[in-house]
Each structure stands twice: as C-alpha cells, then as structure tokens.
Protein backbone atom coordinates (compact mmCIF):
# COMPACT_ATOMS: atom_id res chain seq x y z
CA UNK A 1 -5.59 -16.47 27.12
CA UNK A 2 -9.45 -16.49 27.23
CA UNK A 3 -11.55 -19.72 26.43
CA UNK A 4 -14.19 -17.70 25.11
CA UNK A 5 -13.12 -17.45 20.68
CA UNK A 6 -15.00 -14.43 18.50
CA UNK A 7 -16.24 -15.65 14.99
CA UNK A 8 -14.23 -16.34 12.59
CA UNK A 9 -13.54 -13.70 9.79
CA UNK A 10 -16.59 -13.52 7.44
CA UNK A 11 -17.36 -11.77 4.39
CA UNK A 12 -18.21 -8.62 6.02
CA UNK A 13 -15.13 -9.31 8.21
CA UNK A 14 -12.41 -9.41 5.70
CA UNK A 15 -9.92 -6.71 5.31
CA UNK A 16 -10.07 -5.38 2.18
CA UNK A 17 -6.60 -5.40 0.12
CA UNK A 18 -5.46 -2.07 -1.44
CA UNK A 19 -7.63 -1.20 -4.80
CA UNK A 20 -5.97 -1.54 -7.91
CA UNK A 21 -6.69 1.92 -8.95
CA UNK A 22 -3.72 2.42 -6.01
CA UNK A 23 -1.46 -0.16 -6.79
CA UNK A 24 -1.27 0.82 -10.52
CA UNK A 25 -0.01 3.99 -10.27
CA UNK A 26 3.47 3.67 -9.89
CA UNK A 27 4.68 5.00 -12.75
CA UNK A 28 2.54 7.93 -12.69
CA UNK A 29 3.64 11.32 -12.19
CA UNK A 30 4.58 12.57 -9.05
CA UNK A 31 1.38 14.18 -7.76
CA UNK A 32 -0.46 10.91 -8.58
CA UNK A 33 1.78 8.85 -6.68
CA UNK A 34 1.61 11.41 -3.39
CA UNK A 35 -1.85 10.89 -3.43
CA UNK A 36 -1.77 7.31 -3.91
CA UNK A 37 0.69 7.19 -1.36
CA UNK A 38 -1.83 8.73 1.12
CA UNK A 39 -4.80 6.94 0.16
CA UNK A 40 -2.59 3.65 0.47
CA UNK A 41 -1.25 4.85 3.90
CA UNK A 42 -5.03 5.94 4.92
CA UNK A 43 -6.28 2.30 4.08
CA UNK A 44 -2.69 1.04 6.45
CA UNK A 45 -4.08 3.13 9.32
CA UNK A 46 -7.25 1.45 9.32
CA UNK A 47 -6.63 -2.13 9.12
CA UNK A 48 -3.76 -0.89 12.17
CA UNK A 49 -6.39 0.14 14.10
CA UNK A 50 -8.55 -3.22 13.41
CA UNK A 51 -11.93 -1.75 14.30
CA UNK A 52 -13.10 -5.96 14.45
CA UNK A 53 -10.34 -7.09 16.96
CA UNK A 54 -9.73 -9.75 14.88
CA UNK A 55 -5.73 -8.41 14.18
CA UNK A 56 -2.81 -9.83 16.38
CA UNK A 57 -1.00 -6.50 16.47
CA UNK A 58 2.04 -8.11 18.27
CA UNK A 59 2.40 -10.75 15.69
CA UNK A 60 2.55 -8.93 12.73
CA UNK A 61 4.94 -6.48 14.25
CA UNK A 62 7.47 -9.86 14.57
CA UNK A 63 6.45 -10.91 11.33
CA UNK A 64 7.75 -7.39 9.91
CA UNK A 65 10.10 -7.52 12.37
CA UNK A 66 11.32 -10.55 10.25
CA UNK A 67 11.16 -9.42 6.97
CA UNK A 68 12.78 -6.11 7.98
CA UNK A 69 15.82 -8.20 9.46
CA UNK A 70 16.31 -10.16 6.32
CA UNK A 71 16.25 -7.23 4.03
CA UNK A 72 18.82 -5.19 5.89
CA UNK A 73 21.26 -8.27 6.14
CA UNK A 74 20.79 -8.16 1.72
CA UNK A 75 22.11 -4.33 2.71
CA UNK A 76 24.99 -5.36 4.41
CA UNK A 77 25.42 -8.33 1.59
CA UNK A 78 24.63 -10.86 3.82
CA UNK A 79 22.63 -14.03 2.59
CA UNK A 80 20.92 -15.20 6.02
CA UNK A 81 16.99 -16.28 5.46
CA UNK A 82 14.15 -15.71 7.76
CA UNK A 83 14.71 -19.58 8.43
CA UNK A 84 18.39 -18.75 9.71
CA UNK A 85 17.37 -16.33 11.86
CA UNK A 86 15.04 -18.41 13.08
CA UNK A 87 17.54 -20.90 13.88
CA UNK A 88 19.85 -17.98 15.77
CA UNK A 89 16.89 -16.80 17.88
CA UNK A 90 14.61 -19.45 19.26
CA UNK A 91 17.20 -22.26 19.37
CA UNK A 92 19.76 -20.33 21.04
CA UNK A 93 20.45 -20.90 25.15
CA UNK A 94 19.67 -18.63 27.47
CA UNK A 95 23.01 -16.00 27.42
CA UNK A 96 24.36 -17.12 24.78
CA UNK A 97 26.01 -15.12 22.02
CA UNK A 98 24.27 -15.31 18.64
CA UNK A 99 25.15 -14.13 14.88
CA UNK A 100 24.68 -11.23 13.18
CA UNK A 101 21.38 -12.56 11.95
CA UNK A 102 19.70 -13.15 15.27
CA UNK A 103 21.32 -9.49 16.21
CA UNK A 104 19.90 -7.86 13.87
CA UNK A 105 16.17 -9.49 14.20
CA UNK A 106 16.37 -9.00 18.17
CA UNK A 107 17.41 -5.19 16.89
CA UNK A 108 13.85 -4.56 14.72
CA UNK A 109 12.02 -6.68 17.30
CA UNK A 110 13.13 -4.48 20.07
CA UNK A 111 11.88 -1.44 17.96
CA UNK A 112 8.46 -3.22 16.90
CA UNK A 113 7.76 -2.93 20.59
CA UNK A 114 8.43 0.41 21.44
CA UNK A 115 5.61 2.98 22.05
CA UNK A 116 7.09 6.24 20.54
CA UNK A 117 4.33 8.29 21.76
CA UNK A 118 4.45 8.78 25.73
CA UNK A 119 7.69 10.43 27.49
CA UNK A 120 10.44 8.67 27.52
CA UNK A 121 10.29 7.57 23.67
CA UNK A 122 13.85 8.75 22.79
CA UNK A 123 15.59 6.45 25.52
CA UNK A 124 13.82 3.42 24.55
CA UNK A 125 14.93 4.01 20.76
CA UNK A 126 18.14 5.27 22.13
CA UNK A 127 19.31 1.41 23.32
CA UNK A 128 18.75 -0.10 20.15
CA UNK A 129 20.37 2.09 17.90
CA UNK A 130 23.83 2.65 17.84
CA UNK A 131 25.64 5.66 19.60
CA UNK A 132 26.34 7.84 16.86
CA UNK A 133 22.96 7.65 15.55
CA UNK A 134 21.00 7.38 18.55
CA UNK A 135 22.70 10.99 19.16
CA UNK A 136 20.58 12.01 16.11
CA UNK A 137 16.82 11.80 17.88
CA UNK A 138 16.82 15.19 19.54
CA UNK A 139 16.42 16.38 15.56
CA UNK A 140 13.14 14.42 15.25
CA UNK A 141 11.30 17.16 17.32
CA UNK A 142 11.74 19.90 14.90
CA UNK A 143 10.68 18.44 11.63
CA UNK A 144 7.81 19.65 9.85
CA UNK A 145 5.18 18.41 6.42
CA UNK A 146 3.65 15.23 6.01
CA UNK A 147 4.12 11.67 8.22
CA UNK A 148 5.77 10.35 4.92
CA UNK A 149 8.14 13.57 4.13
CA UNK A 150 8.92 13.70 7.72
CA UNK A 151 10.00 10.28 7.46
CA UNK A 152 12.03 10.84 4.53
CA UNK A 153 13.58 13.71 6.08
CA UNK A 154 14.96 11.36 8.51
CA UNK A 155 16.11 8.88 6.57
CA UNK A 156 17.76 10.83 4.42
CA UNK A 157 19.69 12.98 7.67
CA UNK A 158 20.86 9.76 9.10
CA UNK A 159 22.08 7.74 5.56
CA UNK A 160 24.22 11.23 4.40
CA UNK A 161 26.00 10.97 7.76
CA UNK A 162 26.57 7.21 8.42
CA UNK A 163 25.75 5.80 5.29
CA UNK A 164 26.87 2.44 6.51
CA UNK A 165 23.95 2.61 8.99
CA UNK A 166 21.21 1.50 6.41
CA UNK A 167 19.33 -0.33 9.15
CA UNK A 168 19.24 2.05 11.76
CA UNK A 169 18.41 4.58 9.17
CA UNK A 170 15.60 2.84 8.12
CA UNK A 171 14.45 1.77 11.68
CA UNK A 172 14.70 6.19 12.79
CA UNK A 173 12.28 6.50 9.63
CA UNK A 174 9.44 4.05 10.82
CA UNK A 175 9.86 5.54 14.31
CA UNK A 176 9.21 8.78 12.67
CA UNK A 177 6.22 7.69 10.87
CA UNK A 178 4.71 5.85 13.76
CA UNK A 179 4.60 9.33 15.95
CA UNK A 180 3.90 11.71 13.58
CA UNK A 181 0.45 9.19 12.67
CA UNK A 182 0.20 8.52 16.44
CA UNK A 183 0.57 5.11 15.93
CA UNK A 184 1.25 3.32 19.88
CA UNK A 185 3.65 1.36 18.52
CA UNK A 186 6.18 1.30 15.57
CA UNK A 187 6.18 -0.72 12.86
CA UNK A 188 8.69 -1.99 10.95
CA UNK A 189 7.94 -0.78 7.39
CA UNK A 190 10.37 0.69 5.02
CA UNK A 191 13.47 -1.53 5.54
CA UNK A 192 11.86 -4.54 3.28
CA UNK A 193 10.33 -1.67 0.60
CA UNK A 194 12.61 0.09 -0.48
CA UNK A 195 14.83 -0.57 -3.36
CA UNK A 196 18.84 -0.71 -2.63
CA UNK A 197 19.63 1.51 -4.94
CA UNK A 198 17.09 4.20 -3.99
CA UNK A 199 18.75 3.76 -0.57
CA UNK A 200 22.20 4.38 -2.46
CA UNK A 201 20.90 7.48 -4.33
CA UNK A 202 19.68 9.43 -0.65
CA UNK A 203 22.99 8.70 0.88
CA UNK A 204 24.59 10.03 -1.53
CA UNK A 205 22.05 13.08 -2.36
CA UNK A 206 21.43 11.72 -5.72
CA UNK A 207 18.25 12.13 -5.23
CA UNK A 208 15.08 13.85 -3.63
CA UNK A 209 14.05 11.27 -0.65
CA UNK A 210 10.43 12.54 -0.13
CA UNK A 211 9.21 11.54 -3.81
CA UNK A 212 11.37 8.64 -3.15
CA UNK A 213 9.43 7.40 -0.36
CA UNK A 214 6.36 8.41 -1.24
CA UNK A 215 6.87 5.81 -4.58
CA UNK A 216 8.00 3.21 -1.55
CA UNK A 217 4.96 3.80 0.52
CA UNK A 218 1.97 1.84 -1.83
CA UNK A 219 4.40 -1.49 -1.59
CA UNK A 220 5.34 -0.43 2.20
CA UNK A 221 1.34 -0.25 2.68
CA UNK A 222 0.22 -3.31 0.20
CA UNK A 223 2.38 -5.61 2.11
CA UNK A 224 1.85 -4.53 5.97
CA UNK A 225 -2.22 -5.07 4.61
CA UNK A 226 -1.50 -8.15 3.04
CA UNK A 227 0.29 -9.79 5.90
CA UNK A 228 -2.12 -8.47 8.34
CA UNK A 229 -5.16 -10.25 6.15
CA UNK A 230 -2.84 -13.29 6.38
CA UNK A 231 -2.68 -13.45 9.64
CA UNK A 232 -6.14 -12.39 10.95
CA UNK A 233 -7.17 -15.49 9.41
CA UNK A 234 -4.42 -17.83 10.93
CA UNK A 235 -5.15 -16.12 14.31
CA UNK A 236 -9.19 -16.52 14.14
CA UNK A 237 -8.92 -20.22 14.04
CA UNK A 238 -6.23 -20.49 16.02
CA UNK A 239 -8.47 -19.14 18.92
CA UNK A 240 -11.37 -20.73 17.97
CA UNK A 241 -10.00 -24.18 18.57
CA UNK A 242 -8.42 -23.09 22.01
CA UNK A 243 -11.66 -24.19 24.35
CA UNK A 244 -10.82 -27.59 22.99
CA UNK A 245 -7.29 -27.45 24.13
CA UNK A 246 -7.29 -29.26 27.84
CA UNK A 247 -3.74 -29.17 28.48
CA UNK A 248 -2.33 -27.20 31.80
CA UNK A 249 -0.93 -23.98 30.49
CA UNK A 250 -2.36 -23.91 26.62
CA UNK A 251 -3.66 -20.44 27.14
CA UNK A 252 -0.34 -19.00 28.29
CA UNK A 253 1.13 -20.85 25.32
CA UNK A 254 -1.53 -19.67 22.66
CA UNK A 255 -0.76 -16.36 23.97
CA UNK A 256 2.92 -16.94 23.06
CA UNK A 257 1.87 -18.26 19.66
CA UNK A 258 0.02 -14.40 19.23
CA UNK A 259 3.00 -12.39 19.98
CA UNK A 260 6.07 -14.63 18.69
CA UNK A 261 6.66 -15.28 14.99
CA UNK A 262 8.53 -18.65 16.00
CA UNK A 263 8.03 -20.88 19.11
CA UNK A 264 10.34 -23.68 19.82
CA UNK A 265 9.15 -26.52 22.32
CA UNK A 266 11.89 -26.84 24.21
CA UNK A 267 13.05 -23.55 24.60
CA UNK A 268 9.93 -20.88 25.18
CA UNK A 269 7.36 -23.93 26.45
CA UNK A 270 9.30 -26.09 28.38
CA UNK A 271 10.34 -25.85 31.28
CA UNK A 272 9.02 -22.91 31.44
CA UNK A 273 6.64 -21.20 29.78
CA UNK A 274 8.21 -17.96 27.98
CA UNK A 275 7.36 -14.94 30.38
CA UNK A 276 5.09 -16.44 32.60
CA UNK A 277 5.35 -18.65 35.66
CA UNK A 278 3.57 -21.49 34.22
CA UNK A 279 5.12 -24.99 34.07
CA UNK A 280 5.38 -27.24 31.27
CA UNK A 281 7.01 -30.63 30.37
CA UNK A 282 9.08 -31.32 27.50
CA UNK A 283 6.96 -34.20 26.41
CA UNK A 284 3.53 -31.75 27.05
CA UNK A 285 5.20 -28.92 25.19
CA UNK A 286 5.81 -31.19 22.50
CA UNK A 287 2.55 -32.51 22.45
CA UNK A 288 0.48 -29.59 22.35
CA UNK A 289 2.41 -28.07 18.82
CA UNK A 290 1.56 -31.49 17.38
CA UNK A 291 -1.76 -31.35 18.24
CA UNK A 292 -2.07 -27.40 16.89
CA UNK A 293 -0.28 -28.86 14.21
CA UNK A 294 -2.91 -31.86 13.53
CA UNK A 295 -5.91 -29.14 14.09
CA UNK A 296 -4.31 -26.92 10.92
CA UNK A 297 -4.32 -23.88 13.36
CA UNK A 298 -0.21 -24.09 13.30
CA UNK A 299 2.27 -24.98 11.16
CA UNK A 300 5.68 -26.37 11.65
CA UNK A 301 8.23 -24.07 10.21
CA UNK A 302 11.95 -26.08 9.82
CA UNK A 303 11.00 -29.21 7.78
CA UNK A 304 13.17 -31.13 9.98
CA UNK A 305 12.44 -33.74 12.23
CA UNK A 306 14.36 -32.57 15.37
CA UNK A 307 14.89 -28.95 16.72
CA UNK A 308 12.01 -28.05 15.40
CA UNK A 309 9.79 -25.02 15.75
CA UNK A 310 6.08 -23.37 15.27
CA UNK A 311 4.31 -20.56 14.20
CA UNK A 312 0.85 -19.68 13.21
C-alpha cells in the first residue's frame, strides 16, 4: 500500500444515495418501475466507475458476496449468520474442510473475482458452478434485450430447469448483468434483494421474470450504493493513517484489509501475510490489529476475547 493517502471524502465528493423519487416508485405501473430501475442502475454504474478513486471495489465485492451467501443459505432453509460464515472461512486451517456456510461464501467470493469480459470467462465461471448448470453458460451469448432483461431471462432459464439451484441461477444472472453492462468484475447483487416468493414464482413459471427483476433492481442498486458509500468513508480513514504505521509489513496488511471482509491475525497476517512473501509474527499481527482498532479505522467483528476477526 502506498504511504501517500488521498484526502478524505468531503462534502463535494460524497457518494450520493438514490433520490426518493426512485426509491418510492416500487408500487407504480410497470413502465414507471422499468424507468426507475434503469435510473437506479445508471447511478450504480457511475458509483462503480469511482471517478474520485475513493472506493475499494474488491472490499465492496467481498461484502456483497457475504450478503449473497447469507441470502442463499436462507433459501436452503439454513440459519447461518455473517458471523458464522466469517468463523468458518477465517478460522479454518489450511486444507481443512469448511461447512456449508463457508463453502457458499467461498463460491460467491470466487465469482466476484471473475472478469466476465475477456476470452476464457466461461471456463472461469464454470469452475464455480454445479456441472449441470455450467452447461447452460454457452446460451448466454444468444441473449437480447436490456441488461436487466437479459439477467431475468438467464435467471428464469436456470430456475425452471434446475429449481433447486437458486444460488447458481442468481450467480449466472449477476454474470449476465455484468457482461451486458461492460463491468470488468462480477457484482453479487440479486441474491440479497430478490424475494424468496419471487424466486419460487419464477422457477414455477407463475410470473414474468423481467418486470419481477426490474422491481428488485431499485433495492439492488440502493443497497449496493449504500454499502459503497459506507465503505468509501471507512477506507479513506484507513488510508489516511497509513503513514503513521511503522510496523514492518503494515502496508501489505492494510492491502489485505482493503480486499477482504474479515481478517484473522493468526491465519491471514501471521506467520506470513496472505498472498505475499512478507513475514509477520503473531504478536506483531495482534498489535497491529489492536492499533488499528485504537485509531478507529478497523472494527473487531466478533466481540470475543480470543479468536478475534477484524474488518474495515
């Protein structure tokens, strides 16, 4: 991480929320819902382009992947929370099997790190999907219509053929939306905002998927923009204190906080900072995390005295 920090967000640089005329139009006629859906998606598109350079896209995608995992576990009638998922993922030893909650999150995390534009994207997406669903990926090239309509078509196609593969269907819908919009990363969006009843109705052929997905888009975009605004404020505070840290490996450690929802001192910072060749002792890792909490730029996420996890 570079030691020179950008200025914190000011009044003229804040990420703006969706206006009320967009968020209050959910019960309106179909034409109005389609219009507000497009307006919301256009605003999200501008936020993700990040003209001010204040947003950590990797961290945002990781948080959205966590939300998507929780939503998909609920569709499977499971009750794991974000805390349960964080524990399974961050406290698992290398090579140790995780439970269903951790596995669900890891699939969404992998999907959120795929660029759906360059050649080879189909193979990368196929690796994170069940085999029978992955066979439907070539069909994405024949889609037509608006980005939301294409995503709705894919969602319906997968759900009607594999009604129990809700997570995979939602993943392909996200990939389709990202490709049609020209995004260079897949954003986990639909899972946390499409209602269970709507998903069931789409799977059963009892509703037109396109207006259904348009109705969900305002909530999708509103949630993602709010998360982006919150993370931008937190990330700027973290970047601002970087020059004050003197610990060896602190730059590499901060980069990890900027790309992961949660960080374990013992598993991800020590004895080697994850994805780097930079060593850090267990004591140094814990001292760094405590220092970041003291500075108000990182939160301890568990409330436990031991086996702690930290995040922006």
